[in-house]
C-alpha atoms as a PDB file:
ATOM      1  CA  UNK A   1      82.573 -13.510 122.790  1.00  0.00           C
ATOM      2  CA  UNK A   2      84.270 -12.910 119.438  1.00  0.00           C
ATOM      3  CA  UNK A   3      81.084 -12.394 117.463  1.00  0.00           C
ATOM      4  CA  UNK A   4      80.730 -10.835 114.022  1.00  0.00           C
ATOM      5  CA  UNK A   5      81.168  -7.078 113.947  1.00  0.00           C
ATOM      6  CA  UNK A   6      78.505  -6.130 111.413  1.00  0.00           C
ATOM      7  CA  UNK A   7      75.669  -7.379 109.269  1.00  0.00           C
ATOM      8  CA  UNK A   8      76.056  -7.323 105.498  1.00  0.00           C
ATOM      9  CA  UNK A   9      72.961  -7.156 103.329  1.00  0.00           C
ATOM     10  CA  UNK A  10      72.367 -10.160 101.094  1.00  0.00           C
ATOM     11  CA  UNK A  11      70.802 -10.272  97.651  1.00  0.00           C
ATOM     12  CA  UNK A  12      70.109 -13.896  96.710  1.00  0.00           C
ATOM     13  CA  UNK A  13      67.313 -15.124  98.959  1.00  0.00           C
ATOM     14  CA  UNK A  14      64.365 -17.435  98.339  1.00  0.00           C
ATOM     15  CA  UNK A  15      62.195 -15.614 100.851  1.00  0.00           C
ATOM     16  CA  UNK A  16      63.020 -11.900 100.536  1.00  0.00           C
ATOM     17  CA  UNK A  17      61.367 -11.251 103.907  1.00  0.00           C
ATOM     18  CA  UNK A  18      63.908 -13.328 105.829  1.00  0.00           C
ATOM     19  CA  UNK A  19      66.552 -11.226 107.528  1.00  0.00           C
ATOM     20  CA  UNK A  20      67.634 -13.364 110.487  1.00  0.00           C
ATOM     21  CA  UNK A  21      68.484 -17.013 111.073  1.00  0.00           C
ATOM     22  CA  UNK A  22      68.125 -17.731 114.791  1.00  0.00           C
ATOM     23  CA  UNK A  23      69.255 -21.021 116.326  1.00  0.00           C
ATOM     24  CA  UNK A  24      68.456 -22.768 119.555  1.00  0.00           C
ATOM     25  CA  UNK A  25      71.669 -24.044 121.149  1.00  0.00           C
ATOM     26  CA  UNK A  26      71.081 -27.317 122.983  1.00  0.00           C
ATOM     27  CA  UNK A  27      70.360 -30.226 120.665  1.00  0.00           C
ATOM     28  CA  UNK A  28      70.398 -27.936 117.629  1.00  0.00           C
ATOM     29  CA  UNK A  29      73.989 -26.690 117.438  1.00  0.00           C
ATOM     30  CA  UNK A  30      75.416 -28.676 120.355  1.00  0.00           C
ATOM     31  CA  UNK A  31      74.938 -32.346 121.231  1.00  0.00           C
ATOM     32  CA  UNK A  32      73.594 -32.472 124.795  1.00  0.00           C
ATOM     33  CA  UNK A  33      74.306 -36.190 124.990  1.00  0.00           C
ATOM     34  CA  UNK A  34      78.010 -35.797 124.301  1.00  0.00           C
ATOM     35  CA  UNK A  35      78.236 -35.815 128.124  1.00  0.00           C
ATOM     36  CA  UNK A  36      77.611 -39.580 128.051  1.00  0.00           C
ATOM     37  CA  UNK A  37      81.343 -40.224 127.676  1.00  0.00           C
ATOM     38  CA  UNK A  38      82.185 -38.303 130.855  1.00  0.00           C
ATOM     39  CA  UNK A  39      79.231 -39.874 132.688  1.00  0.00           C
ATOM     40  CA  UNK A  40      80.503 -43.341 131.779  1.00  0.00           C
ATOM     41  CA  UNK A  41      84.025 -42.405 132.814  1.00  0.00           C
ATOM     42  CA  UNK A  42      82.800 -41.442 136.281  1.00  0.00           C
ATOM     43  CA  UNK A  43      79.960 -43.971 136.565  1.00  0.00           C
ATOM     44  CA  UNK A  44      80.717 -46.941 134.282  1.00  0.00           C
ATOM     45  CA  UNK A  45      77.682 -48.309 132.478  1.00  0.00           C
ATOM     46  CA  UNK A  46      75.367 -45.553 133.713  1.00  0.00           C
ATOM     47  CA  UNK A  47      76.219 -42.792 131.237  1.00  0.00           C
ATOM     48  CA  UNK A  48      73.308 -43.096 128.830  1.00  0.00           C
ATOM     49  CA  UNK A  49      70.768 -43.370 131.636  1.00  0.00           C
ATOM     50  CA  UNK A  50      72.179 -40.387 133.535  1.00  0.00           C
ATOM     51  CA  UNK A  51      72.336 -38.249 130.394  1.00  0.00           C
ATOM     52  CA  UNK A  52      68.746 -39.057 129.418  1.00  0.00           C
ATOM     53  CA  UNK A  53      67.298 -38.301 132.852  1.00  0.00           C
ATOM     54  CA  UNK A  54      69.506 -35.222 133.197  1.00  0.00           C
ATOM     55  CA  UNK A  55      68.168 -33.666 129.993  1.00  0.00           C
ATOM     56  CA  UNK A  56      64.568 -34.629 130.758  1.00  0.00           C
ATOM     57  CA  UNK A  57      64.680 -33.061 134.218  1.00  0.00           C
ATOM     58  CA  UNK A  58      66.564 -30.012 132.959  1.00  0.00           C
ATOM     59  CA  UNK A  59      63.634 -29.234 130.661  1.00  0.00           C
ATOM     60  CA  UNK A  60      60.967 -30.178 133.200  1.00  0.00           C
ATOM     61  CA  UNK A  61      62.487 -27.971 135.875  1.00  0.00           C
ATOM     62  CA  UNK A  62      62.675 -24.949 133.561  1.00  0.00           C
ATOM     63  CA  UNK A  63      59.013 -25.391 132.552  1.00  0.00           C
ATOM     64  CA  UNK A  64      57.883 -25.927 136.142  1.00  0.00           C
ATOM     65  CA  UNK A  65      59.813 -22.943 137.455  1.00  0.00           C
ATOM     66  CA  UNK A  66      58.251 -20.813 134.719  1.00  0.00           C
ATOM     67  CA  UNK A  67      54.760 -21.952 135.740  1.00  0.00           C
ATOM     68  CA  UNK A  68      55.469 -21.433 139.444  1.00  0.00           C
ATOM     69  CA  UNK A  69      57.005 -17.997 138.913  1.00  0.00           C
ATOM     70  CA  UNK A  70      60.241 -19.190 140.542  1.00  0.00           C
ATOM     71  CA  UNK A  71      62.899 -18.263 137.984  1.00  0.00           C
ATOM     72  CA  UNK A  72      66.366 -19.703 138.401  1.00  0.00           C
ATOM     73  CA  UNK A  73      69.300 -19.609 136.003  1.00  0.00           C
ATOM     74  CA  UNK A  74      69.704 -22.511 133.622  1.00  0.00           C
ATOM     75  CA  UNK A  75      73.027 -23.381 135.240  1.00  0.00           C
ATOM     76  CA  UNK A  76      71.336 -23.797 138.621  1.00  0.00           C
ATOM     77  CA  UNK A  77      68.577 -25.841 136.991  1.00  0.00           C
ATOM     78  CA  UNK A  78      71.169 -27.981 135.216  1.00  0.00           C
ATOM     79  CA  UNK A  79      72.876 -28.711 138.548  1.00  0.00           C
ATOM     80  CA  UNK A  80      69.565 -29.620 140.183  1.00  0.00           C
ATOM     81  CA  UNK A  81      68.660 -31.877 137.252  1.00  0.00           C
ATOM     82  CA  UNK A  82      72.051 -33.604 137.434  1.00  0.00           C
ATOM     83  CA  UNK A  83      71.646 -34.278 141.151  1.00  0.00           C
ATOM     84  CA  UNK A  84      68.238 -35.839 140.545  1.00  0.00           C
ATOM     85  CA  UNK A  85      69.507 -37.887 137.582  1.00  0.00           C
ATOM     86  CA  UNK A  86      72.354 -39.358 139.594  1.00  0.00           C
ATOM     87  CA  UNK A  87      70.055 -40.278 142.479  1.00  0.00           C
ATOM     88  CA  UNK A  88      67.612 -41.898 140.049  1.00  0.00           C
ATOM     89  CA  UNK A  89      70.446 -43.801 138.337  1.00  0.00           C
ATOM     90  CA  UNK A  90      71.989 -44.937 141.621  1.00  0.00           C
ATOM     91  CA  UNK A  91      75.198 -42.974 141.045  1.00  0.00           C
ATOM     92  CA  UNK A  92      76.758 -41.349 144.106  1.00  0.00           C
ATOM     93  CA  UNK A  93      77.548 -37.763 143.177  1.00  0.00           C
ATOM     94  CA  UNK A  94      80.306 -35.899 145.015  1.00  0.00           C
ATOM     95  CA  UNK A  95      81.247 -32.239 144.741  1.00  0.00           C
ATOM     96  CA  UNK A  96      84.152 -33.204 142.488  1.00  0.00           C
ATOM     97  CA  UNK A  97      82.168 -35.462 140.139  1.00  0.00           C
ATOM     98  CA  UNK A  98      79.366 -32.900 139.970  1.00  0.00           C
ATOM     99  CA  UNK A  99      81.812 -30.187 138.932  1.00  0.00           C
ATOM    100  CA  UNK A 100      83.371 -32.480 136.327  1.00  0.00           C
ATOM    101  CA  UNK A 101      79.990 -33.196 134.758  1.00  0.00           C
ATOM    102  CA  UNK A 102      78.941 -29.550 134.793  1.00  0.00           C
ATOM    103  CA  UNK A 103      82.250 -28.709 133.118  1.00  0.00           C
ATOM    104  CA  UNK A 104      81.454 -31.319 130.463  1.00  0.00           C
ATOM    105  CA  UNK A 105      78.163 -29.513 129.808  1.00  0.00           C
ATOM    106  CA  UNK A 106      80.097 -26.301 129.207  1.00  0.00           C
ATOM    107  CA  UNK A 107      82.196 -28.139 126.612  1.00  0.00           C
ATOM    108  CA  UNK A 108      79.516 -29.963 124.626  1.00  0.00           C
ATOM    109  CA  UNK A 109      80.471 -31.154 121.159  1.00  0.00           C
ATOM    110  CA  UNK A 110      78.981 -29.161 118.305  1.00  0.00           C
ATOM    111  CA  UNK A 111      77.383 -30.840 115.315  1.00  0.00           C
ATOM    112  CA  UNK A 112      79.772 -31.248 112.406  1.00  0.00           C
ATOM    113  CA  UNK A 113      77.826 -29.235 109.822  1.00  0.00           C
ATOM    114  CA  UNK A 114      77.300 -26.141 111.986  1.00  0.00           C
ATOM    115  CA  UNK A 115      80.335 -24.125 110.900  1.00  0.00           C
ATOM    116  CA  UNK A 116      79.811 -24.960 107.219  1.00  0.00           C
ATOM    117  CA  UNK A 117      76.179 -23.809 107.327  1.00  0.00           C
ATOM    118  CA  UNK A 118      76.871 -20.596 109.248  1.00  0.00           C
ATOM    119  CA  UNK A 119      79.554 -19.629 106.739  1.00  0.00           C
ATOM    120  CA  UNK A 120      76.904 -19.707 104.016  1.00  0.00           C
ATOM    121  CA  UNK A 121      74.492 -17.545 106.015  1.00  0.00           C
ATOM    122  CA  UNK A 122      76.745 -14.524 106.394  1.00  0.00           C
ATOM    123  CA  UNK A 123      74.463 -12.299 104.308  1.00  0.00           C
ATOM    124  CA  UNK A 124      71.839 -12.621 107.075  1.00  0.00           C
ATOM    125  CA  UNK A 125      71.800 -11.797 110.743  1.00  0.00           C
ATOM    126  CA  UNK A 126      72.722 -14.938 112.670  1.00  0.00           C
ATOM    127  CA  UNK A 127      72.108 -15.538 116.348  1.00  0.00           C
ATOM    128  CA  UNK A 128      71.768 -18.153 119.039  1.00  0.00           C
ATOM    129  CA  UNK A 129      68.708 -17.823 121.263  1.00  0.00           C
ATOM    130  CA  UNK A 130      68.706 -20.183 124.216  1.00  0.00           C
ATOM    131  CA  UNK A 131      67.190 -20.921 127.595  1.00  0.00           C
ATOM    132  CA  UNK A 132      70.791 -21.279 128.701  1.00  0.00           C
ATOM    133  CA  UNK A 133      72.160 -18.520 130.903  1.00  0.00           C
ATOM    134  CA  UNK A 134      75.326 -16.700 129.873  1.00  0.00           C
ATOM    135  CA  UNK A 135      77.416 -18.534 132.470  1.00  0.00           C
ATOM    136  CA  UNK A 136      76.690 -21.650 130.383  1.00  0.00           C
ATOM    137  CA  UNK A 137      76.499 -20.179 126.887  1.00  0.00           C
ATOM    138  CA  UNK A 138      79.620 -18.019 126.934  1.00  0.00           C
ATOM    139  CA  UNK A 139      82.167 -20.799 127.562  1.00  0.00           C
ATOM    140  CA  UNK A 140      80.275 -23.137 125.233  1.00  0.00           C
ATOM    141  CA  UNK A 141      80.142 -20.735 122.287  1.00  0.00           C
ATOM    142  CA  UNK A 142      83.599 -19.272 122.868  1.00  0.00           C
ATOM    143  CA  UNK A 143      85.247 -22.684 122.456  1.00  0.00           C
ATOM    144  CA  UNK A 144      83.396 -23.378 119.202  1.00  0.00           C
ATOM    145  CA  UNK A 145      84.969 -22.669 115.785  1.00  0.00           C
ATOM    146  CA  UNK A 146      81.846 -20.841 114.602  1.00  0.00           C
ATOM    147  CA  UNK A 147      81.730 -18.143 117.291  1.00  0.00           C
ATOM    148  CA  UNK A 148      83.039 -15.447 114.876  1.00  0.00           C
ATOM    149  CA  UNK A 149      80.223 -16.319 112.453  1.00  0.00           C
ATOM    150  CA  UNK A 150      77.483 -15.219 114.874  1.00  0.00           C
ATOM    151  CA  UNK A 151      76.121 -11.705 115.268  1.00  0.00           C
ATOM    152  CA  UNK A 152      74.494 -12.297 118.652  1.00  0.00           C
ATOM    153  CA  UNK A 153      74.185 -14.827 121.442  1.00  0.00           C
ATOM    154  CA  UNK A 154      70.876 -14.190 123.199  1.00  0.00           C
ATOM    155  CA  UNK A 155      69.669 -15.660 126.474  1.00  0.00           C
ATOM    156  CA  UNK A 156      66.279 -15.695 128.158  1.00  0.00           C
ATOM    157  CA  UNK A 157      68.200 -14.741 131.288  1.00  0.00           C
ATOM    158  CA  UNK A 158      67.896 -11.119 130.143  1.00  0.00           C
ATOM    159  CA  UNK A 159      64.104 -11.244 130.479  1.00  0.00           C
ATOM    160  CA  UNK A 160      63.779 -14.020 133.099  1.00  0.00           C
ATOM    161  CA  UNK A 161      61.210 -15.824 130.958  1.00  0.00           C
ATOM    162  CA  UNK A 162      61.927 -19.318 129.650  1.00  0.00           C
ATOM    163  CA  UNK A 163      60.959 -20.412 126.182  1.00  0.00           C
ATOM    164  CA  UNK A 164      58.312 -21.235 125.044  1.00  0.00           C
ATOM    165  CA  UNK A 165      56.664 -18.131 126.571  1.00  0.00           C
ATOM    166  CA  UNK A 166      55.875 -15.365 124.034  1.00  0.00           C
ATOM    167  CA  UNK A 167      57.809 -12.826 126.109  1.00  0.00           C
ATOM    168  CA  UNK A 168      60.947 -14.910 125.679  1.00  0.00           C
ATOM    169  CA  UNK A 169      60.729 -14.929 121.867  1.00  0.00           C
ATOM    170  CA  UNK A 170      59.975 -11.203 121.820  1.00  0.00           C
ATOM    171  CA  UNK A 171      63.498 -10.689 123.147  1.00  0.00           C
ATOM    172  CA  UNK A 172      64.809 -11.731 119.711  1.00  0.00           C
ATOM    173  CA  UNK A 173      62.894  -8.906 118.030  1.00  0.00           C
ATOM    174  CA  UNK A 174      64.118  -6.353 120.541  1.00  0.00           C
ATOM    175  CA  UNK A 175      67.761  -7.343 120.186  1.00  0.00           C
ATOM    176  CA  UNK A 176      67.969  -8.002 116.441  1.00  0.00           C
ATOM    177  CA  UNK A 177      65.690  -5.180 115.336  1.00  0.00           C
ATOM    178  CA  UNK A 178      63.577  -7.405 113.090  1.00  0.00           C
ATOM    179  CA  UNK A 179      59.895  -8.306 112.731  1.00  0.00           C
ATOM    180  CA  UNK A 180      58.458 -11.744 113.440  1.00  0.00           C
ATOM    181  CA  UNK A 181      57.980 -12.596 109.778  1.00  0.00           C
ATOM    182  CA  UNK A 182      61.644 -11.788 109.094  1.00  0.00           C
ATOM    183  CA  UNK A 183      62.952 -14.540 111.402  1.00  0.00           C
ATOM    184  CA  UNK A 184      63.612 -18.188 110.587  1.00  0.00           C
ATOM    185  CA  UNK A 185      64.009 -19.996 113.890  1.00  0.00           C
ATOM    186  CA  UNK A 186      65.701 -23.399 114.133  1.00  0.00           C
ATOM    187  CA  UNK A 187      65.416 -25.921 116.939  1.00  0.00           C
ATOM    188  CA  UNK A 188      65.644 -29.667 117.440  1.00  0.00           C
ATOM    189  CA  UNK A 189      63.095 -29.388 120.258  1.00  0.00           C
ATOM    190  CA  UNK A 190      59.454 -29.721 119.246  1.00  0.00           C
ATOM    191  CA  UNK A 191      58.213 -27.613 122.170  1.00  0.00           C
ATOM    192  CA  UNK A 192      60.553 -24.806 121.057  1.00  0.00           C
ATOM    193  CA  UNK A 193      59.345 -25.027 117.469  1.00  0.00           C
ATOM    194  CA  UNK A 194      55.733 -24.907 118.679  1.00  0.00           C
ATOM    195  CA  UNK A 195      56.448 -21.864 120.842  1.00  0.00           C
ATOM    196  CA  UNK A 196      58.295 -20.005 118.097  1.00  0.00           C
ATOM    197  CA  UNK A 197      55.624 -20.810 115.498  1.00  0.00           C
ATOM    198  CA  UNK A 198      52.877 -19.667 117.863  1.00  0.00           C
ATOM    199  CA  UNK A 199      54.761 -16.408 118.349  1.00  0.00           C
ATOM    200  CA  UNK A 200      54.865 -15.836 114.589  1.00  0.00           C
ATOM    201  CA  UNK A 201      58.377 -16.875 113.546  1.00  0.00           C
ATOM    202  CA  UNK A 202      59.020 -18.989 110.489  1.00  0.00           C
ATOM    203  CA  UNK A 203      60.321 -22.273 111.875  1.00  0.00           C
ATOM    204  CA  UNK A 204      62.594 -25.111 110.791  1.00  0.00           C
ATOM    205  CA  UNK A 205      62.580 -28.255 112.893  1.00  0.00           C
ATOM    206  CA  UNK A 206      66.008 -29.916 112.938  1.00  0.00           C
ATOM    207  CA  UNK A 207      64.746 -33.450 113.449  1.00  0.00           C
ATOM    208  CA  UNK A 208      68.040 -35.263 113.930  1.00  0.00           C
ATOM    209  CA  UNK A 209      66.479 -38.381 115.444  1.00  0.00           C
ATOM    210  CA  UNK A 210      63.528 -38.883 113.108  1.00  0.00           C
ATOM    211  CA  UNK A 211      60.904 -38.236 115.782  1.00  0.00           C
ATOM    212  CA  UNK A 212      57.234 -37.305 115.439  1.00  0.00           C
ATOM    213  CA  UNK A 213      56.120 -33.713 115.938  1.00  0.00           C
ATOM    214  CA  UNK A 214      54.211 -33.092 119.155  1.00  0.00           C
ATOM    215  CA  UNK A 215      50.464 -32.511 118.850  1.00  0.00           C
ATOM    216  CA  UNK A 216      50.335 -28.891 119.977  1.00  0.00           C
ATOM    217  CA  UNK A 217      48.218 -27.417 117.206  1.00  0.00           C
ATOM    218  CA  UNK A 218      51.133 -25.959 115.232  1.00  0.00           C
ATOM    219  CA  UNK A 219      53.554 -27.418 112.717  1.00  0.00           C
ATOM    220  CA  UNK A 220      57.006 -26.285 111.568  1.00  0.00           C
ATOM    221  CA  UNK A 221      57.286 -24.583 108.196  1.00  0.00           C
ATOM    222  CA  UNK A 222      60.233 -26.821 107.357  1.00  0.00           C
ATOM    223  CA  UNK A 223      61.702 -30.069 108.652  1.00  0.00           C
ATOM    224  CA  UNK A 224      65.304 -31.136 108.077  1.00  0.00           C
ATOM    225  CA  UNK A 225      67.427 -34.013 109.322  1.00  0.00           C
ATOM    226  CA  UNK A 226      70.292 -31.595 110.001  1.00  0.00           C
ATOM    227  CA  UNK A 227      71.254 -27.964 109.452  1.00  0.00           C
ATOM    228  CA  UNK A 228      72.311 -28.510 105.835  1.00  0.00           C
ATOM    229  CA  UNK A 229      68.658 -28.352 104.847  1.00  0.00           C
ATOM    230  CA  UNK A 230      68.786 -24.611 105.472  1.00  0.00           C
ATOM    231  CA  UNK A 231      70.854 -24.188 102.323  1.00  0.00           C
ATOM    232  CA  UNK A 232      67.675 -24.161 100.238  1.00  0.00           C
ATOM    233  CA  UNK A 233      67.013 -20.691 101.656  1.00  0.00           C
ATOM    234  CA  UNK A 234      70.319 -19.258 100.459  1.00  0.00           C
END
């Protein structure tokens, strides 16, 4: 990946303790439901249903595998979730259509404001931290215009522990060389925000769909409708 070569110290910060802005990938930087178009192309009228079930099962399977101690890469989980979604939606999946849909997941559309925001965060360390394995993240990030604006792309695959386990978030500290209180973590997923907040990160919930926060005993430090809200920290 063509990531940034070095970190430059910044001076103008609202919270002088913040040193790293760390982003979840799916739903935060990339629109997981941009696969609906390809789903509808292959299975007319079923795209929204397939996409919704696919994402739901993708998350469920990662959580269940974590609980069962049966780790599998996120790409394998994504394939399993797709197969279930198509069966549930009554769409006959072939090897060819499966590969087309998986390819679509490796080419998800990014949210429009992402590049603009990352350009303004160049005085901080910037990283993606995802449950996605590198065989999914690398092609996805490499095709994005903001790849050169990132210092690191981190995956739980290195530690074989899915978020929201504490061991997963600790990987960020090990790789970026920062302390918990020096990280602002962004995600559109409430379970991810809860996990990161429980671990001790500052958190910003990117609530793109105007949802309610889950009742898990923790709240985000900040809530924004998109990534532009982060500009108040610059």
